Amino acid sequence: RLDHKFDLMYAKKAFLHWYIREGMEEGEFSEA
């Protein structure tokens, strides 16, 4: 269930910019 919800948002890169603005990298999301 958790992976499915993550995939729905990550497919559109939704809300990702907030994390990148704090210093995280997009690669950390795909690795997790």
PDB file of all heavy atoms in Angstrom:
ATOM      1  N   ARG A   1       0.839  -1.213   0.000  1.00  0.00           N
ATOM      2  CA  ARG A   1       0.000   0.000   0.000  1.00  0.00           C
ATOM      3  C   ARG A   1       0.866   1.251   0.000  1.00  0.00           C
ATOM      4  O   ARG A   1       0.619   2.209  -0.742  1.00  0.00           O
ATOM      5  CB  ARG A   1      -0.900   0.012   1.249  1.00  0.00           C
ATOM      6  CG  ARG A   1      -2.056  -0.952   1.226  1.00  0.00           C
ATOM      7  CD  ARG A   1      -3.073  -0.591   2.295  1.00  0.00           C
ATOM      8  NE  ARG A   1      -2.491  -0.457   3.622  1.00  0.00           N
ATOM      9  CZ  ARG A   1      -2.537  -1.408   4.554  1.00  0.00           C
ATOM     10  NH1 ARG A   1      -3.139  -2.561   4.301  1.00  0.00           N
ATOM     11  NH2 ARG A   1      -1.997  -1.205   5.731  1.00  0.00           N
ATOM     12  N   LEU A   2       1.899   1.229   0.831  1.00  0.00           N
ATOM     13  CA  LEU A   2       2.774   2.391   0.956  1.00  0.00           C
ATOM     14  C   LEU A   2       3.533   2.641  -0.341  1.00  0.00           C
ATOM     15  O   LEU A   2       3.626   3.783  -0.813  1.00  0.00           O
ATOM     16  CB  LEU A   2       3.754   2.149   2.110  1.00  0.00           C
ATOM     17  CG  LEU A   2       4.615   3.316   2.581  1.00  0.00           C
ATOM     18  CD1 LEU A   2       3.747   4.495   3.001  1.00  0.00           C
ATOM     19  CD2 LEU A   2       5.490   2.881   3.745  1.00  0.00           C
ATOM     20  N   ASP A   3       4.055   1.577  -0.938  1.00  0.00           N
ATOM     21  CA  ASP A   3       4.801   1.713  -2.195  1.00  0.00           C
ATOM     22  C   ASP A   3       3.904   2.240  -3.317  1.00  0.00           C
ATOM     23  O   ASP A   3       4.331   3.060  -4.136  1.00  0.00           O
ATOM     24  CB  ASP A   3       5.386   0.363  -2.609  1.00  0.00           C
ATOM     25  CG  ASP A   3       6.533  -0.068  -1.700  1.00  0.00           C
ATOM     26  OD1 ASP A   3       7.067   0.796  -0.978  1.00  0.00           O
ATOM     27  OD2 ASP A   3       6.884  -1.261  -1.709  1.00  0.00           O
ATOM     28  N   HIS A   4       2.656   1.784  -3.352  1.00  0.00           N
ATOM     29  CA  HIS A   4       1.719   2.232  -4.391  1.00  0.00           C
ATOM     30  C   HIS A   4       1.448   3.738  -4.267  1.00  0.00           C
ATOM     31  O   HIS A   4       1.467   4.467  -5.276  1.00  0.00           O
ATOM     32  CB  HIS A   4       0.413   1.450  -4.277  1.00  0.00           C
ATOM     33  CG  HIS A   4      -0.634   1.886  -5.251  1.00  0.00           C
ATOM     34  ND1 HIS A   4      -0.484   1.751  -6.623  1.00  0.00           N
ATOM     35  CD2 HIS A   4      -1.843   2.480  -5.054  1.00  0.00           C
ATOM     36  CE1 HIS A   4      -1.554   2.238  -7.224  1.00  0.00           C
ATOM     37  NE2 HIS A   4      -2.401   2.676  -6.305  1.00  0.00           N
ATOM     38  N   LYS A   5       1.230   4.218  -3.052  1.00  0.00           N
ATOM     39  CA  LYS A   5       0.981   5.651  -2.843  1.00  0.00           C
ATOM     40  C   LYS A   5       2.203   6.481  -3.230  1.00  0.00           C
ATOM     41  O   LYS A   5       2.080   7.555  -3.824  1.00  0.00           O
ATOM     42  CB  LYS A   5       0.612   5.915  -1.380  1.00  0.00           C
ATOM     43  CG  LYS A   5      -0.748   5.374  -0.979  1.00  0.00           C
ATOM     44  CD  LYS A   5      -1.015   5.643   0.489  1.00  0.00           C
ATOM     45  CE  LYS A   5      -2.359   5.096   0.928  1.00  0.00           C
ATOM     46  NZ  LYS A   5      -2.606   5.319   2.374  1.00  0.00           N
ATOM     47  N   PHE A   6       3.383   5.973  -2.865  1.00  0.00           N
ATOM     48  CA  PHE A   6       4.626   6.656  -3.229  1.00  0.00           C
ATOM     49  C   PHE A   6       4.747   6.754  -4.744  1.00  0.00           C
ATOM     50  O   PHE A   6       5.062   7.824  -5.287  1.00  0.00           O
ATOM     51  CB  PHE A   6       5.809   5.879  -2.643  1.00  0.00           C
ATOM     52  CG  PHE A   6       7.159   6.472  -2.941  1.00  0.00           C
ATOM     53  CD1 PHE A   6       7.798   7.269  -2.005  1.00  0.00           C
ATOM     54  CD2 PHE A   6       7.806   6.223  -4.154  1.00  0.00           C
ATOM     55  CE1 PHE A   6       9.054   7.814  -2.274  1.00  0.00           C
ATOM     56  CE2 PHE A   6       9.048   6.752  -4.427  1.00  0.00           C
ATOM     57  CZ  PHE A   6       9.679   7.558  -3.485  1.00  0.00           C
ATOM     58  N   ASP A   7       4.477   5.657  -5.448  1.00  0.00           N
ATOM     59  CA  ASP A   7       4.632   5.616  -6.910  1.00  0.00           C
ATOM     60  C   ASP A   7       3.700   6.601  -7.604  1.00  0.00           C
ATOM     61  O   ASP A   7       4.082   7.233  -8.604  1.00  0.00           O
ATOM     62  CB  ASP A   7       4.364   4.201  -7.430  1.00  0.00           C
ATOM     63  CG  ASP A   7       5.443   3.217  -6.998  1.00  0.00           C
ATOM     64  OD1 ASP A   7       6.533   3.680  -6.610  1.00  0.00           O
ATOM     65  OD2 ASP A   7       5.180   2.000  -7.037  1.00  0.00           O
ATOM     66  N   LEU A   8       2.482   6.743  -7.092  1.00  0.00           N
ATOM     67  CA  LEU A   8       1.515   7.650  -7.707  1.00  0.00           C
ATOM     68  C   LEU A   8       2.031   9.087  -7.691  1.00  0.00           C
ATOM     69  O   LEU A   8       1.914   9.813  -8.682  1.00  0.00           O
ATOM     70  CB  LEU A   8       0.170   7.575  -6.978  1.00  0.00           C
ATOM     71  CG  LEU A   8      -0.634   6.274  -7.147  1.00  0.00           C
ATOM     72  CD1 LEU A   8      -1.878   6.301  -6.266  1.00  0.00           C
ATOM     73  CD2 LEU A   8      -1.031   6.084  -8.614  1.00  0.00           C
ATOM     74  N   MET A   9       2.618   9.503  -6.566  1.00  0.00           N
ATOM     75  CA  MET A   9       3.121  10.876  -6.461  1.00  0.00           C
ATOM     76  C   MET A   9       4.457  11.045  -7.178  1.00  0.00           C
ATOM     77  O   MET A   9       4.685  12.042  -7.870  1.00  0.00           O
ATOM     78  CB  MET A   9       3.265  11.270  -4.985  1.00  0.00           C
ATOM     79  CG  MET A   9       1.958  11.415  -4.244  1.00  0.00           C
ATOM     80  SD  MET A   9       2.080  12.476  -2.779  1.00  0.00           S
ATOM     81  CE  MET A   9       3.347  11.660  -1.851  1.00  0.00           C
ATOM     82  N   TYR A  10       5.321  10.040  -7.023  1.00  0.00           N
ATOM     83  CA  TYR A  10       6.668  10.164  -7.588  1.00  0.00           C
ATOM     84  C   TYR A  10       6.650  10.129  -9.111  1.00  0.00           C
ATOM     85  O   TYR A  10       7.513  10.719  -9.772  1.00  0.00           O
ATOM     86  CB  TYR A  10       7.563   9.046  -7.039  1.00  0.00           C
ATOM     87  CG  TYR A  10       9.026   9.239  -7.351  1.00  0.00           C
ATOM     88  CD1 TYR A  10       9.747  10.287  -6.759  1.00  0.00           C
ATOM     89  CD2 TYR A  10       9.694   8.389  -8.231  1.00  0.00           C
ATOM     90  CE1 TYR A  10      11.090  10.473  -7.046  1.00  0.00           C
ATOM     91  CE2 TYR A  10      11.036   8.562  -8.520  1.00  0.00           C
ATOM     92  CZ  TYR A  10      11.726   9.609  -7.926  1.00  0.00           C
ATOM     93  OH  TYR A  10      13.061   9.801  -8.208  1.00  0.00           O
ATOM     94  N   ALA A  11       5.663   9.460  -9.693  1.00  0.00           N
ATOM     95  CA  ALA A  11       5.549   9.407 -11.154  1.00  0.00           C
ATOM     96  C   ALA A  11       5.368  10.801 -11.739  1.00  0.00           C
ATOM     97  O   ALA A  11       5.823  11.090 -12.855  1.00  0.00           O
ATOM     98  CB  ALA A  11       4.374   8.508 -11.546  1.00  0.00           C
ATOM     99  N   LYS A  12       4.726  11.686 -10.975  1.00  0.00           N
ATOM    100  CA  LYS A  12       4.510  13.069 -11.413  1.00  0.00           C
ATOM    101  C   LYS A  12       5.509  14.038 -10.771  1.00  0.00           C
ATOM    102  O   LYS A  12       5.413  15.255 -10.973  1.00  0.00           O
ATOM    103  CB  LYS A  12       3.088  13.513 -11.032  1.00  0.00           C
ATOM    104  CG  LYS A  12       1.984  12.775 -11.775  1.00  0.00           C
ATOM    105  CD  LYS A  12       1.964  13.171 -13.239  1.00  0.00           C
ATOM    106  CE  LYS A  12       0.780  12.552 -13.952  1.00  0.00           C
ATOM    107  NZ  LYS A  12       0.738  12.921 -15.382  1.00  0.00           N
ATOM    108  N   LYS A  13       6.428  13.473  -9.981  1.00  0.00           N
ATOM    109  CA  LYS A  13       7.410  14.298  -9.244  1.00  0.00           C
ATOM    110  C   LYS A  13       6.703  15.355  -8.377  1.00  0.00           C
ATOM    111  O   LYS A  13       7.220  16.450  -8.158  1.00  0.00           O
ATOM    112  CB  LYS A  13       8.371  14.991 -10.223  1.00  0.00           C
ATOM    113  CG  LYS A  13       9.181  14.032 -11.094  1.00  0.00           C
ATOM    114  CD  LYS A  13      10.176  13.245 -10.280  1.00  0.00           C
ATOM    115  CE  LYS A  13      11.128  12.438 -11.150  1.00  0.00           C
ATOM    116  NZ  LYS A  13      10.518  11.277 -11.793  1.00  0.00           N
ATOM    117  N   ALA A  14       5.516  14.997  -7.904  1.00  0.00           N
ATOM    118  CA  ALA A  14       4.717  15.940  -7.103  1.00  0.00           C
ATOM    119  C   ALA A  14       5.359  16.173  -5.737  1.00  0.00           C
ATOM    120  O   ALA A  14       5.825  15.227  -5.100  1.00  0.00           O
ATOM    121  CB  ALA A  14       3.298  15.393  -6.929  1.00  0.00           C
ATOM    122  N   PHE A  15       5.384  17.434  -5.319  1.00  0.00           N
ATOM    123  CA  PHE A  15       5.900  17.880  -4.014  1.00  0.00           C
ATOM    124  C   PHE A  15       7.400  17.642  -3.833  1.00  0.00           C
ATOM    125  O   PHE A  15       7.931  17.875  -2.744  1.00  0.00           O
ATOM    126  CB  PHE A  15       5.140  17.204  -2.857  1.00  0.00           C
ATOM    127  CG  PHE A  15       3.658  17.402  -2.902  1.00  0.00           C
ATOM    128  CD1 PHE A  15       2.825  16.377  -3.358  1.00  0.00           C
ATOM    129  CD2 PHE A  15       3.081  18.597  -2.509  1.00  0.00           C
ATOM    130  CE1 PHE A  15       1.450  16.558  -3.408  1.00  0.00           C
ATOM    131  CE2 PHE A  15       1.705  18.782  -2.563  1.00  0.00           C
ATOM    132  CZ  PHE A  15       0.889  17.756  -3.010  1.00  0.00           C
ATOM    133  N   LEU A  16       8.066  17.173  -4.869  1.00  0.00           N
ATOM    134  CA  LEU A  16       9.482  16.816  -4.745  1.00  0.00           C
ATOM    135  C   LEU A  16      10.362  18.037  -4.512  1.00  0.00           C
ATOM    136  O   LEU A  16      11.392  17.956  -3.837  1.00  0.00           O
ATOM    137  CB  LEU A  16       9.921  16.078  -6.016  1.00  0.00           C
ATOM    138  CG  LEU A  16      10.977  14.982  -5.852  1.00  0.00           C
ATOM    139  CD1 LEU A  16      10.487  13.897  -4.923  1.00  0.00           C
ATOM    140  CD2 LEU A  16      11.330  14.392  -7.212  1.00  0.00           C
ATOM    141  N   HIS A  17       9.932  19.180  -5.078  1.00  0.00           N
ATOM    142  CA  HIS A  17      10.776  20.382  -5.005  1.00  0.00           C
ATOM    143  C   HIS A  17      10.991  20.848  -3.568  1.00  0.00           C
ATOM    144  O   HIS A  17      12.017  21.468  -3.255  1.00  0.00           O
ATOM    145  CB  HIS A  17      10.161  21.514  -5.841  1.00  0.00           C
ATOM    146  CG  HIS A  17       8.840  21.985  -5.342  1.00  0.00           C
ATOM    147  ND1 HIS A  17       7.682  21.267  -5.505  1.00  0.00           N
ATOM    148  CD2 HIS A  17       8.496  23.120  -4.659  1.00  0.00           C
ATOM    149  CE1 HIS A  17       6.672  21.932  -4.970  1.00  0.00           C
ATOM    150  NE2 HIS A  17       7.134  23.051  -4.446  1.00  0.00           N
ATOM    151  N   TRP A  18      10.056  20.552  -2.673  1.00  0.00           N
ATOM    152  CA  TRP A  18      10.225  20.972  -1.278  1.00  0.00           C
ATOM    153  C   TRP A  18      11.400  20.242  -0.625  1.00  0.00           C
ATOM    154  O   TRP A  18      12.144  20.817   0.171  1.00  0.00           O
ATOM    155  CB  TRP A  18       8.947  20.691  -0.478  1.00  0.00           C
ATOM    156  CG  TRP A  18       7.769  21.501  -0.933  1.00  0.00           C
ATOM    157  CD1 TRP A  18       6.655  21.046  -1.575  1.00  0.00           C
ATOM    158  CD2 TRP A  18       7.592  22.919  -0.790  1.00  0.00           C
ATOM    159  NE1 TRP A  18       5.792  22.083  -1.848  1.00  0.00           N
ATOM    160  CE2 TRP A  18       6.349  23.245  -1.371  1.00  0.00           C
ATOM    161  CE3 TRP A  18       8.371  23.946  -0.241  1.00  0.00           C
ATOM    162  CZ2 TRP A  18       5.863  24.541  -1.403  1.00  0.00           C
ATOM    163  CZ3 TRP A  18       7.884  25.237  -0.268  1.00  0.00           C
ATOM    164  CH2 TRP A  18       6.653  25.532  -0.844  1.00  0.00           C
ATOM    165  N   TYR A  19      11.556  18.992  -0.967  1.00  0.00           N
ATOM    166  CA  TYR A  19      12.656  18.205  -0.397  1.00  0.00           C
ATOM    167  C   TYR A  19      13.992  18.612  -1.017  1.00  0.00           C
ATOM    168  O   TYR A  19      15.004  18.715  -0.327  1.00  0.00           O
ATOM    169  CB  TYR A  19      12.402  16.705  -0.633  1.00  0.00           C
ATOM    170  CG  TYR A  19      11.214  16.171   0.112  1.00  0.00           C
ATOM    171  CD1 TYR A  19       9.930  16.246  -0.436  1.00  0.00           C
ATOM    172  CD2 TYR A  19      11.355  15.576   1.363  1.00  0.00           C
ATOM    173  CE1 TYR A  19       8.824  15.744   0.246  1.00  0.00           C
ATOM    174  CE2 TYR A  19      10.259  15.076   2.047  1.00  0.00           C
ATOM    175  CZ  TYR A  19       8.998  15.166   1.484  1.00  0.00           C
ATOM    176  OH  TYR A  19       7.909  14.682   2.171  1.00  0.00           O
ATOM    177  N   ILE A  20      13.981  18.848  -2.332  1.00  0.00           N
ATOM    178  CA  ILE A  20      15.216  19.243  -3.022  1.00  0.00           C
ATOM    179  C   ILE A  20      15.679  20.607  -2.533  1.00  0.00           C
ATOM    180  O   ILE A  20      16.879  20.856  -2.367  1.00  0.00           O
ATOM    181  CB  ILE A  20      14.976  19.246  -4.548  1.00  0.00           C
ATOM    182  CG1 ILE A  20      14.709  17.805  -5.031  1.00  0.00           C
ATOM    183  CG2 ILE A  20      16.152  19.855  -5.294  1.00  0.00           C
ATOM    184  CD1 ILE A  20      14.260  17.685  -6.463  1.00  0.00           C
ATOM    185  N   ARG A  21      14.713  21.474  -2.232  1.00  0.00           N
ATOM    186  CA  ARG A  21      15.044  22.799  -1.716  1.00  0.00           C
ATOM    187  C   ARG A  21      15.750  22.718  -0.359  1.00  0.00           C
ATOM    188  O   ARG A  21      16.541  23.585   0.004  1.00  0.00           O
ATOM    189  CB  ARG A  21      13.770  23.630  -1.604  1.00  0.00           C
ATOM    190  CG  ARG A  21      14.012  25.095  -1.287  1.00  0.00           C
ATOM    191  CD  ARG A  21      12.701  25.866  -1.219  1.00  0.00           C
ATOM    192  NE  ARG A  21      12.038  25.944  -2.520  1.00  0.00           N
ATOM    193  CZ  ARG A  21      10.871  26.564  -2.726  1.00  0.00           C
ATOM    194  NH1 ARG A  21      10.234  27.125  -1.693  1.00  0.00           N
ATOM    195  NH2 ARG A  21      10.340  26.599  -3.924  1.00  0.00           N
ATOM    196  N   GLU A  22      15.455  21.642   0.389  1.00  0.00           N
ATOM    197  CA  GLU A  22      16.080  21.460   1.707  1.00  0.00           C
ATOM    198  C   GLU A  22      17.435  20.765   1.623  1.00  0.00           C
ATOM    199  O   GLU A  22      18.052  20.481   2.647  1.00  0.00           O
ATOM    200  CB  GLU A  22      15.149  20.642   2.608  1.00  0.00           C
ATOM    201  CG  GLU A  22      13.867  21.354   3.005  1.00  0.00           C
ATOM    202  CD  GLU A  22      14.120  22.583   3.869  1.00  0.00           C
ATOM    203  OE1 GLU A  22      15.059  22.535   4.700  1.00  0.00           O
ATOM    204  OE2 GLU A  22      13.412  23.592   3.696  1.00  0.00           O
ATOM    205  N   GLY A  23      17.880  20.463   0.394  1.00  0.00           N
ATOM    206  CA  GLY A  23      19.212  19.877   0.240  1.00  0.00           C
ATOM    207  C   GLY A  23      19.238  18.413  -0.155  1.00  0.00           C
ATOM    208  O   GLY A  23      20.317  17.826  -0.309  1.00  0.00           O
ATOM    209  N   MET A  24      18.078  17.785  -0.281  1.00  0.00           N
ATOM    210  CA  MET A  24      18.047  16.385  -0.692  1.00  0.00           C
ATOM    211  C   MET A  24      18.192  16.268  -2.201  1.00  0.00           C
ATOM    212  O   MET A  24      17.997  17.235  -2.929  1.00  0.00           O
ATOM    213  CB  MET A  24      16.729  15.727  -0.245  1.00  0.00           C
ATOM    214  CG  MET A  24      16.589  15.587   1.249  1.00  0.00           C
ATOM    215  SD  MET A  24      15.109  14.674   1.712  1.00  0.00           S
ATOM    216  CE  MET A  24      15.508  13.044   1.097  1.00  0.00           C
ATOM    217  N   GLU A  25      18.539  15.066  -2.665  1.00  0.00           N
ATOM    218  CA  GLU A  25      18.668  14.809  -4.103  1.00  0.00           C
ATOM    219  C   GLU A  25      17.589  13.823  -4.547  1.00  0.00           C
ATOM    220  O   GLU A  25      17.127  12.994  -3.762  1.00  0.00           O
ATOM    221  CB  GLU A  25      20.055  14.238  -4.413  1.00  0.00           C
ATOM    222  CG  GLU A  25      21.193  15.196  -4.095  1.00  0.00           C
ATOM    223  CD  GLU A  25      22.557  14.594  -4.388  1.00  0.00           C
ATOM    224  OE1 GLU A  25      22.582  13.440  -4.900  1.00  0.00           O
ATOM    225  OE2 GLU A  25      23.570  15.252  -4.114  1.00  0.00           O
ATOM    226  N   GLU A  26      17.227  13.936  -5.818  1.00  0.00           N
ATOM    227  CA  GLU A  26      16.175  13.079  -6.342  1.00  0.00           C
ATOM    228  C   GLU A  26      16.571  11.607  -6.270  1.00  0.00           C
ATOM    229  O   GLU A  26      15.724  10.723  -6.086  1.00  0.00           O
ATOM    230  CB  GLU A  26      15.857  13.476  -7.788  1.00  0.00           C
ATOM    231  CG  GLU A  26      14.571  12.872  -8.316  1.00  0.00           C
ATOM    232  CD  GLU A  26      14.194  13.414  -9.682  1.00  0.00           C
ATOM    233  OE1 GLU A  26      14.311  14.647  -9.893  1.00  0.00           O
ATOM    234  OE2 GLU A  26      13.792  12.594 -10.536  1.00  0.00           O
ATOM    235  N   GLY A  27      17.854  11.354  -6.390  1.00  0.00           N
ATOM    236  CA  GLY A  27      18.345   9.981  -6.328  1.00  0.00           C
ATOM    237  C   GLY A  27      18.053   9.298  -5.000  1.00  0.00           C
ATOM    238  O   GLY A  27      17.926   8.070  -4.930  1.00  0.00           O
ATOM    239  N   GLU A  28      17.954  10.092  -3.935  1.00  0.00           N
ATOM    240  CA  GLU A  28      17.658   9.516  -2.621  1.00  0.00           C
ATOM    241  C   GLU A  28      16.262   8.895  -2.596  1.00  0.00           C
ATOM    242  O   GLU A  28      16.017   7.901  -1.905  1.00  0.00           O
ATOM    243  CB  GLU A  28      17.779  10.591  -1.533  1.00  0.00           C
ATOM    244  CG  GLU A  28      19.196  11.108  -1.336  1.00  0.00           C
ATOM    245  CD  GLU A  28      19.265  12.185  -0.256  1.00  0.00           C
ATOM    246  OE1 GLU A  28      18.895  11.892   0.894  1.00  0.00           O
ATOM    247  OE2 GLU A  28      19.685  13.323  -0.576  1.00  0.00           O
ATOM    248  N   PHE A  29      15.339   9.490  -3.346  1.00  0.00           N
ATOM    249  CA  PHE A  29      13.978   8.972  -3.399  1.00  0.00           C
ATOM    250  C   PHE A  29      13.932   7.626  -4.129  1.00  0.00           C
ATOM    251  O   PHE A  29      13.296   6.678  -3.655  1.00  0.00           O
ATOM    252  CB  PHE A  29      13.056   9.972  -4.096  1.00  0.00           C
ATOM    253  CG  PHE A  29      12.685  11.143  -3.237  1.00  0.00           C
ATOM    254  CD1 PHE A  29      13.558  12.193  -3.043  1.00  0.00           C
ATOM    255  CD2 PHE A  29      11.446  11.187  -2.605  1.00  0.00           C
ATOM    256  CE1 PHE A  29      13.223  13.276  -2.254  1.00  0.00           C
ATOM    257  CE2 PHE A  29      11.093  12.257  -1.804  1.00  0.00           C
ATOM    258  CZ  PHE A  29      11.982  13.302  -1.628  1.00  0.00           C
ATOM    259  N   SER A  30      14.599   7.550  -5.286  1.00  0.00           N
ATOM    260  CA  SER A  30      14.593   6.302  -6.050  1.00  0.00           C
ATOM    261  C   SER A  30      15.336   5.199  -5.297  1.00  0.00           C
ATOM    262  O   SER A  30      14.924   4.029  -5.320  1.00  0.00           O
ATOM    263  CB  SER A  30      15.220   6.516  -7.432  1.00  0.00           C
ATOM    264  OG  SER A  30      16.517   7.066  -7.318  1.00  0.00           O
ATOM    265  N   GLU A  31      16.398   5.569  -4.581  1.00  0.00           N
ATOM    266  CA  GLU A  31      17.155   4.589  -3.793  1.00  0.00           C
ATOM    267  C   GLU A  31      16.294   4.023  -2.655  1.00  0.00           C
ATOM    268  O   GLU A  31      16.281   2.806  -2.408  1.00  0.00           O
ATOM    269  CB  GLU A  31      18.411   5.246  -3.218  1.00  0.00           C
ATOM    270  CG  GLU A  31      19.289   4.287  -2.428  1.00  0.00           C
ATOM    271  CD  GLU A  31      20.489   5.003  -1.803  1.00  0.00           C
ATOM    272  OE1 GLU A  31      20.910   6.054  -2.327  1.00  0.00           O
ATOM    273  OE2 GLU A  31      20.988   4.507  -0.774  1.00  0.00           O
ATOM    274  N   ALA A  32      15.556   4.920  -1.969  1.00  0.00           N
ATOM    275  CA  ALA A  32      14.685   4.493  -0.874  1.00  0.00           C
ATOM    276  C   ALA A  32      13.571   3.590  -1.400  1.00  0.00           C
ATOM    277  O   ALA A  32      13.228   2.572  -0.790  1.00  0.00           O
ATOM    278  CB  ALA A  32      14.100   5.712  -0.171  1.00  0.00           C
TER     279      ALA A  32
END
